[in-house]
Amino acid sequence: MGFFQDPPRLGHAYREDPILADWLARRLPHDMLRELSPALDELGAEAVVLHEAQLADRENEPRHTPWDAWGNRVDRIELTPLWQRARVLAAERGLVALAYERRHGEHSRVHQFALNYLVQASLDVYSCPLAMTDGAARTLLDSKNAALIARAVPRLTARDPLAMWTSGQWMTERTGGSDVGLTETVARPAHDPAWPGAYRLTGTKWFTSATTSEMALTLARPEGNGPGGRGLALFYVETRREDGGLAPGLVVNRLKDKLGTRKVPTAELALDGVLAHPVAGLDDGVRNISSMLNVTRTWNAAGATWGMRRAVALAKDYARRRVQFGASLAQKPLHVETLAGLEAEAEGAFCLTFRVIELLGRIEAGIATDEERMLFRLLTPIAKLTTGKQAVAVASEALECFGGAGYVEDTGLPLLLRDSQVLSIWEGTTNVLSLDVLRVVLKEPGALAAFEAEVGRALASADDASLVAPVAAVRSSLAHARAFAGAASASADPARLEAGARGFALTLGRALEAALLAEHASECLALGRGPRAAAAARRLARNGLDLIAQTDPADAELLLS
């Protein structure tokens, strides 16, 4: 009988995760963790079942039907079976609601994201509408718009799948994504007695993710307002009629044919007088979406962590099954070295992301210090851009661990890479966020000091002898970043300053990952949880923390001429 390869199998997503249980044991009150453990264990098992369903559902994609059989415009979008199942699970498990029920105070966000971390890699990027739903709920609450809060927030945070709403986020237009100040959509007063204060929006939204959501937040320029971001306003739109059809004034031009996240129904959407309500006045729309971006960028970083965890888990399992040249890949020193590098990247990303999640929870609980608020402002773009780049690199290397099988669609493995690529694009590309980080550091005098204090806090407990090398690497990288920031403040060469922004931001991100991982490792050693986290910290430091390089814009122009 011929030989057949044994495919990788996903182990229990909670019991076999090398960092989650240890991290939660360090960071959550003992009684809370004891209460949550059964649900975490149950969801860890369910993630395996859903992963199998995901593989079986591989060829299904959303389908758009613009017209019915009699020529009526219907714009019906059919979702995949797994997405329909995911909606029920998200509501019943409180994958958004937990953050707003606040049963665990400042730890409510950790509770919420721990559950999402376990299951989302098995749900075909259903995290997309959940991220925007979470961001919409937070934005509406921060707006203090009582009518919209009463109307939408209970639905966005509902536990009943039939009552739960999800939200879209319509920002990108044909004029570009990052520069939303170029938005062309116009808002005109509705002059409708049934809807006092309402507007009608006209324009085209080039990317509308999760177009099947029941509501959306979007930017438009009230007629007569000036140019740029300050002339925009943030609007609330309900996208469905009572019978479930698309609201009047909305037309789906087409679904996007994307590289990855193909289960997400992303559409080009025409707005032809759709009814909308201002969320927070009739200007400063870009400023008013900051709450949304903080939440969705945190979800983006979290998505990178669970994507990396899934890729590494499958690659490690396969290494134990695949025999080459007389031994399993798990017995080959070079392959083990490769897997160790991937594991370290995933664990560093986890520590950084969950630190941001902790800070978000403290801010929402009203107990964050001014320094923590400043730190959160700086870390949100840093975490998003750093983990986004890591996720793509880890997924690519993980596919290589499977050889040719990693390149073949019906194994389900290419999905890991295709879906990861969006993480460095959505909610701000690496370059856009790097410039944001640089602006914060240069304009906010306490920002870099807050960052250095955070690194110092983490390293203060990393006093085990096995952590000398990563601690030294973090301190060296931070010194280099500090020198760059100092030179940037005094620089009369804006081109060189801008050219170094990416290396600066990534150095901050990777240095803090290593510091937080060293802190985690030290506490694991103290709690008798073993030396593996220390090995991860050492390996992450060897992977490289300092990405600040001497840049020369003139040379760059020559190379691209």
Protein backbone atom coordinates (compact mmCIF):
# COMPACT_ATOMS: atom_id res chain seq x y z
CA MET A 1 0.00 0.00 0.00
CA GLY A 2 1.32 3.44 -0.88
CA PHE A 3 2.36 6.13 1.55
CA PHE A 4 0.04 9.00 2.42
CA GLN A 5 0.96 12.09 4.41
CA ASP A 6 -0.75 12.62 7.73
CA PRO A 7 -2.30 16.12 7.75
CA PRO A 8 -1.83 18.48 10.69
CA ARG A 9 -4.47 18.33 13.41
CA LEU A 10 -5.43 21.14 15.68
CA GLY A 11 -5.09 20.38 19.38
CA HIS A 12 -7.23 21.81 22.16
CA ALA A 13 -7.00 25.57 21.68
CA TYR A 14 -6.81 26.32 25.42
CA ARG A 15 -5.06 23.35 27.01
CA GLU A 16 -2.35 23.19 24.37
CA ASP A 17 -1.68 26.92 24.04
CA PRO A 18 1.76 27.61 25.51
CA ILE A 19 1.10 31.15 26.79
CA LEU A 20 -2.57 31.97 27.38
CA ALA A 21 -3.14 30.01 30.60
CA ASP A 22 0.17 31.19 32.10
CA TRP A 23 -0.54 34.81 31.21
CA LEU A 24 -4.07 34.73 32.62
CA ALA A 25 -2.78 33.12 35.82
CA ARG A 26 -0.41 36.06 36.24
CA ARG A 27 -2.79 38.86 35.37
CA LEU A 28 -6.27 37.90 36.58
CA PRO A 29 -7.53 37.58 40.17
CA HIS A 30 -7.52 33.94 41.22
CA ASP A 31 -11.27 33.78 41.85
CA MET A 32 -12.02 35.30 38.45
CA LEU A 33 -9.77 32.84 36.63
CA ARG A 34 -11.35 29.92 38.47
CA GLU A 35 -14.78 31.18 37.39
CA LEU A 36 -13.72 31.62 33.75
CA SER A 37 -11.70 28.42 33.32
CA PRO A 38 -14.63 26.13 32.41
CA ALA A 39 -15.80 28.48 29.65
CA LEU A 40 -12.24 28.85 28.34
CA ASP A 41 -11.82 25.08 28.31
CA GLU A 42 -15.16 24.55 26.60
CA LEU A 43 -14.44 27.13 23.93
CA GLY A 44 -10.98 25.69 23.38
CA ALA A 45 -12.60 22.39 22.47
CA GLU A 46 -15.24 24.07 20.31
CA ALA A 47 -12.51 25.85 18.35
CA VAL A 48 -11.27 22.44 17.15
CA VAL A 49 -14.72 21.44 15.92
CA LEU A 50 -15.15 24.80 14.19
CA HIS A 51 -11.73 24.44 12.56
CA GLU A 52 -12.91 21.21 10.93
CA ALA A 53 -16.08 22.97 9.79
CA GLN A 54 -13.93 25.76 8.37
CA LEU A 55 -11.93 23.27 6.29
CA ALA A 56 -15.12 21.61 5.04
CA ASP A 57 -16.59 25.02 4.16
CA ARG A 58 -13.46 26.12 2.30
CA GLU A 59 -15.02 26.71 -1.12
CA ASN A 60 -18.10 28.61 0.06
CA GLU A 61 -17.98 32.39 -0.36
CA PRO A 62 -20.58 35.17 0.00
CA ARG A 63 -22.81 35.60 -3.03
CA HIS A 64 -24.41 38.81 -4.22
CA THR A 65 -27.72 38.71 -6.08
CA PRO A 66 -28.47 42.22 -7.41
CA TRP A 67 -31.85 41.45 -9.04
CA ASP A 68 -34.63 39.01 -8.36
CA ALA A 69 -36.26 36.87 -11.07
CA TRP A 70 -38.75 39.66 -11.90
CA GLY A 71 -36.26 42.44 -12.36
CA ASN A 72 -36.55 44.03 -8.91
CA ARG A 73 -33.38 45.37 -7.33
CA VAL A 74 -32.83 43.27 -4.18
CA ASP A 75 -29.06 43.34 -3.49
CA ARG A 76 -29.26 40.17 -1.47
CA ILE A 77 -25.98 38.86 -0.01
CA GLU A 78 -25.83 35.23 1.10
CA LEU A 79 -23.35 34.46 3.86
CA THR A 80 -21.50 31.19 4.28
CA PRO A 81 -22.86 28.54 6.67
CA LEU A 82 -19.91 29.04 9.03
CA TRP A 83 -20.54 32.79 9.22
CA GLN A 84 -24.17 32.13 10.07
CA ARG A 85 -23.02 29.78 12.82
CA ALA A 86 -20.46 32.32 14.00
CA ARG A 87 -23.16 34.97 14.51
CA VAL A 88 -24.99 32.73 16.96
CA LEU A 89 -21.80 31.84 18.81
CA ALA A 90 -20.71 35.49 19.01
CA ALA A 91 -24.01 36.55 20.57
CA GLU A 92 -24.36 33.66 22.99
CA ARG A 93 -20.73 33.78 24.13
CA GLY A 94 -20.77 37.56 24.45
CA LEU A 95 -17.79 38.09 22.17
CA VAL A 96 -18.70 41.78 22.04
CA ALA A 97 -21.13 42.03 24.94
CA LEU A 98 -18.65 41.02 27.66
CA ALA A 99 -16.78 44.30 27.31
CA TYR A 100 -19.94 46.30 28.01
CA GLU A 101 -21.53 44.09 30.66
CA ARG A 102 -18.42 44.84 32.74
CA ARG A 103 -18.92 41.97 35.16
CA HIS A 104 -15.21 41.91 35.85
CA GLY A 105 -14.47 45.63 35.93
CA GLU A 106 -11.07 46.51 34.52
CA HIS A 107 -10.53 42.85 33.52
CA SER A 108 -13.63 42.69 31.31
CA ARG A 109 -11.64 43.41 28.17
CA VAL A 110 -9.16 40.65 28.98
CA HIS A 111 -12.07 38.24 29.49
CA GLN A 112 -13.60 39.26 26.15
CA PHE A 113 -10.39 38.98 24.15
CA ALA A 114 -9.29 35.72 25.77
CA LEU A 115 -12.45 34.08 24.41
CA ASN A 116 -11.99 35.66 20.99
CA TYR A 117 -8.34 34.60 20.94
CA LEU A 118 -9.38 30.99 21.41
CA VAL A 119 -12.06 30.76 18.75
CA GLN A 120 -11.69 33.44 16.08
CA ALA A 121 -9.05 31.65 14.00
CA SER A 122 -11.74 29.01 13.32
CA LEU A 123 -14.42 31.49 12.20
CA ASP A 124 -13.28 32.74 8.78
CA VAL A 125 -12.60 36.31 9.94
CA TYR A 126 -16.00 36.83 11.56
CA SER A 127 -13.87 39.03 13.81
CA CYS A 128 -14.28 41.73 11.12
CA PRO A 129 -17.93 42.63 11.89
CA LEU A 130 -17.34 42.04 15.59
CA ALA A 131 -14.43 44.50 15.64
CA MET A 132 -16.54 47.16 13.94
CA THR A 133 -19.52 46.38 16.18
CA ASP A 134 -17.34 46.83 19.25
CA GLY A 135 -15.89 50.03 17.81
CA ALA A 136 -19.36 51.38 16.99
CA ALA A 137 -20.66 50.69 20.50
CA ARG A 138 -17.65 52.42 22.04
CA THR A 139 -17.94 55.39 19.66
CA LEU A 140 -21.65 55.90 20.32
CA LEU A 141 -21.14 55.73 24.08
CA ASP A 142 -18.29 58.22 23.91
CA SER A 143 -20.41 60.54 21.73
CA LYS A 144 -22.99 60.98 24.54
CA ASN A 145 -25.71 60.95 21.87
CA ALA A 146 -28.51 59.63 24.09
CA ALA A 147 -30.96 58.84 21.29
CA LEU A 148 -28.48 56.80 19.23
CA ILE A 149 -27.10 55.09 22.31
CA ALA A 150 -30.60 54.00 23.36
CA ARG A 151 -31.40 52.86 19.83
CA ALA A 152 -28.25 50.97 18.89
CA VAL A 153 -26.01 50.01 21.82
CA PRO A 154 -28.39 47.45 23.42
CA ARG A 155 -28.61 45.74 20.02
CA LEU A 156 -24.86 45.88 19.35
CA THR A 157 -24.23 44.23 22.73
CA ALA A 158 -27.16 41.79 22.73
CA ARG A 159 -26.78 38.12 23.73
CA ASP A 160 -29.78 37.00 21.68
CA PRO A 161 -28.67 36.08 18.12
CA LEU A 162 -32.02 37.24 16.74
CA ALA A 163 -31.75 40.63 18.47
CA MET A 164 -28.02 41.21 18.00
CA TRP A 165 -26.85 43.78 15.49
CA THR A 166 -23.44 44.09 13.92
CA SER A 167 -22.04 47.33 12.54
CA GLY A 168 -20.18 48.29 9.41
CA GLN A 169 -17.61 51.02 9.05
CA TRP A 170 -17.66 52.99 5.80
CA MET A 171 -14.65 55.28 5.51
CA THR A 172 -12.73 54.40 2.36
CA GLU A 173 -13.66 56.11 -0.91
CA ARG A 174 -12.22 56.12 -4.42
CA THR A 175 -10.09 59.12 -3.47
CA GLY A 176 -8.08 56.93 -1.10
CA GLY A 177 -8.20 55.13 2.20
CA SER A 178 -5.78 56.73 4.65
CA ASP A 179 -6.48 60.35 3.69
CA VAL A 180 -10.15 60.40 4.66
CA GLY A 181 -10.08 64.19 4.43
CA LEU A 182 -10.60 63.67 0.68
CA THR A 183 -14.03 62.13 1.31
CA GLU A 184 -16.49 63.06 -1.46
CA THR A 185 -19.76 61.84 0.09
CA VAL A 186 -22.10 64.78 0.65
CA ALA A 187 -24.68 65.13 3.45
CA ARG A 188 -27.77 67.26 2.83
CA PRO A 189 -30.59 67.97 5.30
CA ALA A 190 -33.43 65.47 4.86
CA HIS A 191 -36.20 68.03 5.53
CA ASP A 192 -38.39 65.14 6.65
CA PRO A 193 -40.80 65.81 9.57
CA ALA A 194 -40.64 62.13 10.46
CA TRP A 195 -36.86 62.39 10.95
CA PRO A 196 -36.01 65.79 12.48
CA GLY A 197 -32.34 66.61 12.21
CA ALA A 198 -31.67 63.76 9.76
CA TYR A 199 -29.57 63.98 6.60
CA ARG A 200 -29.43 62.24 3.23
CA LEU A 201 -26.03 60.97 2.07
CA THR A 202 -24.90 60.78 -1.54
CA GLY A 203 -21.61 59.25 -2.64
CA THR A 204 -19.70 56.01 -3.12
CA LYS A 205 -17.94 53.96 -0.45
CA TRP A 206 -15.18 51.96 -2.11
CA PHE A 207 -14.71 49.38 0.69
CA THR A 208 -17.56 48.55 3.07
CA SER A 209 -16.59 45.49 5.08
CA ALA A 210 -19.32 43.25 6.43
CA THR A 211 -21.94 44.95 4.30
CA THR A 212 -24.60 42.63 5.75
CA SER A 213 -24.48 44.45 9.10
CA GLU A 214 -27.61 46.16 10.40
CA MET A 215 -26.02 49.58 10.85
CA ALA A 216 -22.89 51.49 9.96
CA LEU A 217 -20.90 54.53 10.98
CA THR A 218 -19.63 56.60 8.10
CA LEU A 219 -18.04 59.93 7.22
CA ALA A 220 -19.66 62.53 4.96
CA ARG A 221 -19.24 66.24 4.33
CA PRO A 222 -22.29 68.35 5.22
CA GLU A 223 -23.08 70.59 2.27
CA GLY A 224 -21.26 73.91 2.65
CA ASN A 225 -18.56 72.60 5.00
CA GLY A 226 -14.92 73.28 4.21
CA PRO A 227 -12.36 70.78 2.94
CA GLY A 228 -10.28 68.32 4.92
CA GLY A 229 -11.03 66.19 7.93
CA ARG A 230 -12.48 69.01 10.02
CA GLY A 231 -15.21 69.56 7.46
CA LEU A 232 -16.42 65.97 7.75
CA ALA A 233 -19.07 64.70 10.13
CA LEU A 234 -19.66 61.25 11.56
CA PHE A 235 -23.05 59.75 10.65
CA TYR A 236 -25.11 56.80 11.83
CA VAL A 237 -26.92 54.75 9.16
CA GLU A 238 -29.36 51.87 9.58
CA THR A 239 -28.83 49.61 6.61
CA ARG A 240 -31.89 47.35 6.72
CA ARG A 241 -35.64 47.68 6.30
CA GLU A 242 -37.92 45.83 8.70
CA ASP A 243 -38.25 42.97 6.19
CA GLY A 244 -34.46 42.56 6.12
CA GLY A 245 -33.94 44.13 2.71
CA LEU A 246 -31.39 46.85 2.05
CA ALA A 247 -32.46 50.31 3.21
CA PRO A 248 -33.69 52.77 0.55
CA GLY A 249 -30.82 54.73 -0.94
CA LEU A 250 -28.26 51.92 -0.69
CA VAL A 251 -27.09 49.99 -3.76
CA VAL A 252 -24.44 47.24 -3.76
CA ASN A 253 -22.35 47.81 -6.88
CA ARG A 254 -20.38 44.59 -6.41
CA LEU A 255 -18.54 42.45 -3.88
CA LYS A 256 -14.77 42.92 -3.87
CA ASP A 257 -12.67 40.10 -5.32
CA LYS A 258 -9.97 40.05 -2.65
CA LEU A 259 -6.70 38.21 -2.07
CA GLY A 260 -7.84 37.04 1.37
CA THR A 261 -10.63 37.44 3.92
CA ARG A 262 -12.85 36.14 1.13
CA LYS A 263 -15.60 35.06 3.53
CA VAL A 264 -16.06 38.70 4.56
CA PRO A 265 -18.65 40.35 2.25
CA THR A 266 -16.77 43.51 1.35
CA ALA A 267 -18.70 45.67 -1.10
CA GLU A 268 -18.57 48.79 -3.19
CA LEU A 269 -21.63 50.65 -2.00
CA ALA A 270 -23.47 53.52 -3.65
CA LEU A 271 -25.25 55.96 -1.33
CA ASP A 272 -28.14 57.60 -3.14
CA GLY A 273 -29.94 59.66 -0.53
CA VAL A 274 -29.72 57.12 2.29
CA LEU A 275 -31.08 58.40 5.61
CA ALA A 276 -28.42 59.21 8.22
CA HIS A 277 -28.16 60.86 11.63
CA PRO A 278 -25.22 62.95 12.90
CA VAL A 279 -23.44 61.22 15.77
CA ALA A 280 -21.57 64.16 17.30
CA GLY A 281 -22.22 67.42 15.53
CA LEU A 282 -21.60 68.42 11.95
CA ASP A 283 -17.81 68.69 11.85
CA ASP A 284 -14.63 67.13 13.27
CA GLY A 285 -15.69 63.71 12.00
CA VAL A 286 -12.13 62.39 11.87
CA ARG A 287 -11.56 63.27 15.51
CA ASN A 288 -14.87 61.65 16.42
CA ILE A 289 -13.83 58.27 14.98
CA SER A 290 -10.79 58.04 17.29
CA SER A 291 -12.69 55.83 19.76
CA MET A 292 -13.58 53.47 16.94
CA LEU A 293 -10.01 53.28 15.66
CA ASN A 294 -8.63 52.55 19.12
CA VAL A 295 -10.96 49.56 19.41
CA THR A 296 -10.64 48.24 15.87
CA ARG A 297 -6.85 48.55 15.88
CA THR A 298 -6.80 46.60 19.12
CA TRP A 299 -8.91 43.91 17.42
CA ASN A 300 -6.48 43.98 14.49
CA ALA A 301 -3.54 43.26 16.80
CA ALA A 302 -5.53 40.54 18.53
CA GLY A 303 -6.34 39.04 15.11
CA ALA A 304 -2.63 38.88 14.39
CA THR A 305 -2.02 36.98 17.64
CA TRP A 306 -4.65 34.32 17.04
CA GLY A 307 -3.62 34.00 13.40
CA MET A 308 -0.01 33.40 14.39
CA ARG A 309 -1.05 30.98 17.11
CA ARG A 310 -3.05 28.91 14.63
CA ALA A 311 -0.23 28.84 12.06
CA VAL A 312 2.36 27.82 14.64
CA ALA A 313 0.09 25.21 16.26
CA LEU A 314 -0.52 23.46 12.94
CA ALA A 315 3.16 23.66 11.94
CA LYS A 316 4.26 22.16 15.27
CA ASP A 317 1.75 19.32 15.02
CA TYR A 318 2.80 18.56 11.45
CA ALA A 319 6.45 18.46 12.51
CA ARG A 320 5.64 15.55 14.80
CA ARG A 321 3.82 13.67 12.03
CA ARG A 322 5.96 14.26 8.94
CA VAL A 323 8.91 11.89 8.55
CA GLN A 324 11.75 12.79 6.22
CA PHE A 325 15.18 11.15 5.89
CA GLY A 326 14.42 8.65 8.63
CA ALA A 327 13.14 11.00 11.36
CA SER A 328 10.25 13.33 12.09
CA LEU A 329 10.70 17.02 11.35
CA ALA A 330 10.40 17.58 15.11
CA GLN A 331 13.72 15.73 15.45
CA LYS A 332 15.53 17.87 12.88
CA PRO A 333 17.55 20.61 14.63
CA LEU A 334 17.17 23.14 11.80
CA HIS A 335 13.42 22.67 11.62
CA VAL A 336 13.12 22.93 15.40
CA GLU A 337 15.13 26.16 15.24
CA THR A 338 12.72 27.53 12.65
CA LEU A 339 9.66 26.64 14.71
CA ALA A 340 11.23 28.19 17.81
CA GLY A 341 11.64 31.47 15.98
CA LEU A 342 7.97 31.44 15.00
CA GLU A 343 6.88 30.57 18.52
CA ALA A 344 8.86 33.48 19.96
CA GLU A 345 7.28 35.93 17.50
CA ALA A 346 3.79 34.72 18.39
CA GLU A 347 4.42 34.99 22.12
CA GLY A 348 5.94 38.44 21.89
CA ALA A 349 2.95 39.63 19.87
CA PHE A 350 0.61 38.10 22.44
CA CYS A 351 2.25 39.95 25.34
CA LEU A 352 2.16 43.32 23.56
CA THR A 353 -1.44 42.92 22.39
CA PHE A 354 -2.80 41.84 25.75
CA ARG A 355 -0.99 44.70 27.45
CA VAL A 356 -2.90 47.08 25.15
CA ILE A 357 -6.10 45.20 25.99
CA GLU A 358 -5.39 45.63 29.70
CA LEU A 359 -4.90 49.36 29.25
CA LEU A 360 -8.17 49.66 27.30
CA GLY A 361 -9.95 47.90 30.14
CA ARG A 362 -8.48 50.24 32.73
CA ILE A 363 -9.46 53.30 30.69
CA GLU A 364 -13.04 52.07 30.30
CA ALA A 365 -13.22 51.28 34.01
CA GLY A 366 -12.21 54.88 34.77
CA ILE A 367 -9.12 53.93 36.77
CA ALA A 368 -6.32 54.57 34.25
CA THR A 369 -3.70 57.14 35.15
CA ASP A 370 -2.79 59.98 32.80
CA GLU A 371 0.41 58.12 32.01
CA GLU A 372 -1.54 54.96 31.13
CA ARG A 373 -3.84 56.94 28.85
CA MET A 374 -0.83 58.42 27.08
CA LEU A 375 0.72 54.97 26.84
CA PHE A 376 -2.44 53.54 25.30
CA ARG A 377 -2.52 56.34 22.73
CA LEU A 378 1.03 55.47 21.69
CA LEU A 379 0.78 51.68 21.94
CA THR A 380 -2.40 51.28 19.88
CA PRO A 381 -0.72 52.11 16.54
CA ILE A 382 2.54 50.48 17.65
CA ALA A 383 0.84 47.18 18.49
CA LYS A 384 -1.23 47.21 15.33
CA LEU A 385 1.67 47.84 12.95
CA THR A 386 4.15 45.55 14.73
CA THR A 387 1.87 42.53 15.02
CA GLY A 388 0.52 43.04 11.51
CA LYS A 389 3.98 42.67 10.01
CA GLN A 390 4.76 39.72 12.29
CA ALA A 391 1.58 37.91 11.29
CA VAL A 392 2.44 37.96 7.58
CA ALA A 393 6.01 36.81 8.18
CA VAL A 394 4.96 34.02 10.55
CA ALA A 395 2.23 32.77 8.21
CA SER A 396 4.63 32.73 5.27
CA GLU A 397 7.28 30.80 7.19
CA ALA A 398 4.68 28.43 8.61
CA LEU A 399 3.48 27.54 5.11
CA GLU A 400 7.05 26.72 4.18
CA CYS A 401 7.11 24.24 7.07
CA PHE A 402 4.57 22.14 5.14
CA GLY A 403 6.52 22.09 1.90
CA GLY A 404 4.32 21.79 -1.18
CA ALA A 405 1.20 21.09 0.90
CA GLY A 406 1.43 24.63 2.24
CA TYR A 407 0.95 25.94 -1.31
CA VAL A 408 -2.06 23.82 -2.20
CA GLU A 409 -5.50 25.33 -1.62
CA ASP A 410 -7.40 22.18 -0.70
CA THR A 411 -5.19 21.66 2.37
CA GLY A 412 -6.70 24.86 3.78
CA LEU A 413 -3.22 26.09 4.65
CA PRO A 414 -2.84 28.99 2.15
CA LEU A 415 -5.76 30.63 3.96
CA LEU A 416 -3.36 31.39 6.82
CA LEU A 417 -1.22 33.60 4.60
CA ARG A 418 -3.96 35.14 2.47
CA ASP A 419 -6.00 36.20 5.49
CA SER A 420 -2.98 37.56 7.37
CA GLN A 421 -2.07 40.08 4.68
CA VAL A 422 -5.02 42.33 5.49
CA LEU A 423 -3.69 42.90 9.01
CA SER A 424 -0.96 45.28 7.85
CA ILE A 425 -3.39 47.16 5.57
CA TRP A 426 -6.77 47.51 7.31
CA GLU A 427 -7.12 50.40 9.79
CA GLY A 428 -3.91 52.05 8.65
CA THR A 429 -0.92 50.71 6.73
CA THR A 430 2.45 50.28 8.41
CA ASN A 431 3.76 53.55 6.99
CA VAL A 432 0.67 55.55 7.94
CA LEU A 433 0.76 54.29 11.51
CA SER A 434 4.52 54.75 11.76
CA LEU A 435 4.04 58.44 10.97
CA ASP A 436 1.27 58.56 13.58
CA VAL A 437 3.66 57.12 16.17
CA LEU A 438 6.30 59.67 15.24
CA ARG A 439 3.79 62.53 15.52
CA VAL A 440 2.73 61.41 18.99
CA VAL A 441 6.32 61.15 20.20
CA LEU A 442 7.26 64.57 18.80
CA LYS A 443 4.09 66.46 19.79
CA GLU A 444 3.34 64.88 23.16
CA PRO A 445 6.25 65.54 25.56
CA GLY A 446 5.28 62.71 27.91
CA ALA A 447 4.69 60.01 25.31
CA LEU A 448 8.19 58.58 25.02
CA ALA A 449 8.71 58.96 28.77
CA ALA A 450 5.55 56.89 29.37
CA PHE A 451 6.84 54.27 26.95
CA GLU A 452 10.24 54.11 28.64
CA ALA A 453 8.55 53.85 32.04
CA GLU A 454 6.54 50.89 30.74
CA VAL A 455 9.68 49.16 29.51
CA GLY A 456 11.40 49.90 32.80
CA ARG A 457 8.46 48.51 34.77
CA ALA A 458 8.54 45.28 32.75
CA LEU A 459 12.31 44.85 33.01
CA ALA A 460 12.38 45.57 36.74
CA SER A 461 11.02 42.11 37.48
CA ALA A 462 13.04 40.34 34.77
CA ASP A 463 15.97 39.70 37.08
CA ASP A 464 16.53 36.00 36.49
CA ALA A 465 19.99 35.13 35.20
CA SER A 466 18.49 33.37 32.19
CA LEU A 467 17.07 36.71 30.99
CA VAL A 468 20.27 38.76 30.91
CA ALA A 469 20.57 38.66 27.11
CA PRO A 470 17.01 39.78 26.22
CA VAL A 471 17.08 42.50 28.89
CA ALA A 472 20.36 43.85 27.46
CA ALA A 473 18.94 43.73 23.92
CA VAL A 474 15.86 45.69 24.98
CA ARG A 475 17.95 48.36 26.69
CA SER A 476 20.19 48.71 23.64
CA SER A 477 17.22 49.02 21.26
CA LEU A 478 15.53 51.56 23.50
CA ALA A 479 18.68 53.66 23.68
CA HIS A 480 18.86 53.68 19.89
CA ALA A 481 15.19 54.67 19.64
CA ARG A 482 15.72 57.44 22.20
CA ALA A 483 18.63 58.77 20.18
CA PHE A 484 16.54 58.75 17.00
CA ALA A 485 13.70 60.61 18.74
CA GLY A 486 16.16 63.19 20.09
CA ALA A 487 17.69 63.72 16.68
CA ALA A 488 14.22 63.90 15.13
CA SER A 489 13.19 66.66 17.51
CA ALA A 490 16.15 68.77 16.43
CA SER A 491 16.19 67.72 12.79
CA ALA A 492 15.97 70.23 9.99
CA ASP A 493 15.71 67.39 7.46
CA PRO A 494 12.05 66.26 7.35
CA ALA A 495 12.72 63.77 4.54
CA ARG A 496 15.26 61.83 6.60
CA LEU A 497 12.98 62.04 9.63
CA GLU A 498 10.02 60.61 7.75
CA ALA A 499 12.13 57.92 6.11
CA GLY A 500 13.16 56.59 9.53
CA ALA A 501 9.65 56.48 10.99
CA ARG A 502 8.95 52.82 10.19
CA GLY A 503 12.18 51.54 11.71
CA PHE A 504 11.58 53.70 14.78
CA ALA A 505 8.02 52.45 15.33
CA LEU A 506 8.91 48.80 14.76
CA THR A 507 11.89 49.08 17.10
CA LEU A 508 9.61 50.42 19.84
CA GLY A 509 7.12 47.62 19.20
CA ARG A 510 9.63 44.79 19.17
CA ALA A 511 11.56 46.13 22.15
CA LEU A 512 8.39 46.32 24.24
CA GLU A 513 7.35 42.84 23.13
CA ALA A 514 10.66 41.49 24.37
CA ALA A 515 10.42 43.43 27.63
CA LEU A 516 6.90 42.18 28.34
CA LEU A 517 7.85 38.64 27.37
CA ALA A 518 10.86 38.80 29.72
CA GLU A 519 8.57 40.03 32.50
CA HIS A 520 6.18 37.16 31.77
CA ALA A 521 9.05 34.67 31.77
CA SER A 522 10.42 35.89 35.08
CA GLU A 523 7.05 35.60 36.78
CA CYS A 524 6.49 32.14 35.28
CA LEU A 525 9.81 31.05 36.78
CA ALA A 526 8.82 32.50 40.16
CA LEU A 527 5.44 30.71 40.03
CA GLY A 528 7.05 27.39 39.12
CA ARG A 529 5.55 27.38 35.63
CA GLY A 530 8.77 26.37 33.93
CA PRO A 531 11.55 27.92 31.79
CA ARG A 532 9.91 27.80 28.33
CA ALA A 533 8.80 31.47 28.44
CA ALA A 534 12.39 32.49 29.22
CA ALA A 535 13.51 30.54 26.16
CA ALA A 536 10.93 32.44 24.10
CA ALA A 537 12.23 35.78 25.41
CA ARG A 538 15.81 34.87 24.56
CA ARG A 539 14.81 33.71 21.11
CA LEU A 540 12.77 36.84 20.36
CA ALA A 541 15.81 38.94 21.24
CA ARG A 542 17.93 36.84 18.86
CA ASN A 543 15.33 37.36 16.12
CA GLY A 544 16.19 41.06 16.27
CA LEU A 545 14.67 43.99 18.13
CA ASP A 546 16.36 47.02 16.60
CA LEU A 547 15.06 47.97 13.16
CA ILE A 548 16.24 51.56 13.10
CA ALA A 549 18.57 51.88 10.13
CA GLN A 550 20.50 54.75 8.64
CA THR A 551 18.24 56.05 5.90
CA ASP A 552 19.12 58.18 2.93
CA PRO A 553 16.17 59.61 0.98
CA ALA A 554 18.49 60.67 -1.84
CA ASP A 555 19.70 57.09 -2.32
CA ALA A 556 16.13 55.85 -2.15
CA GLU A 557 15.11 58.20 -4.93
CA LEU A 558 18.03 57.01 -7.06
CA LEU A 559 17.07 53.38 -6.53
CA LEU A 560 13.49 54.05 -7.62
CA SER A 561 14.30 56.34 -10.55
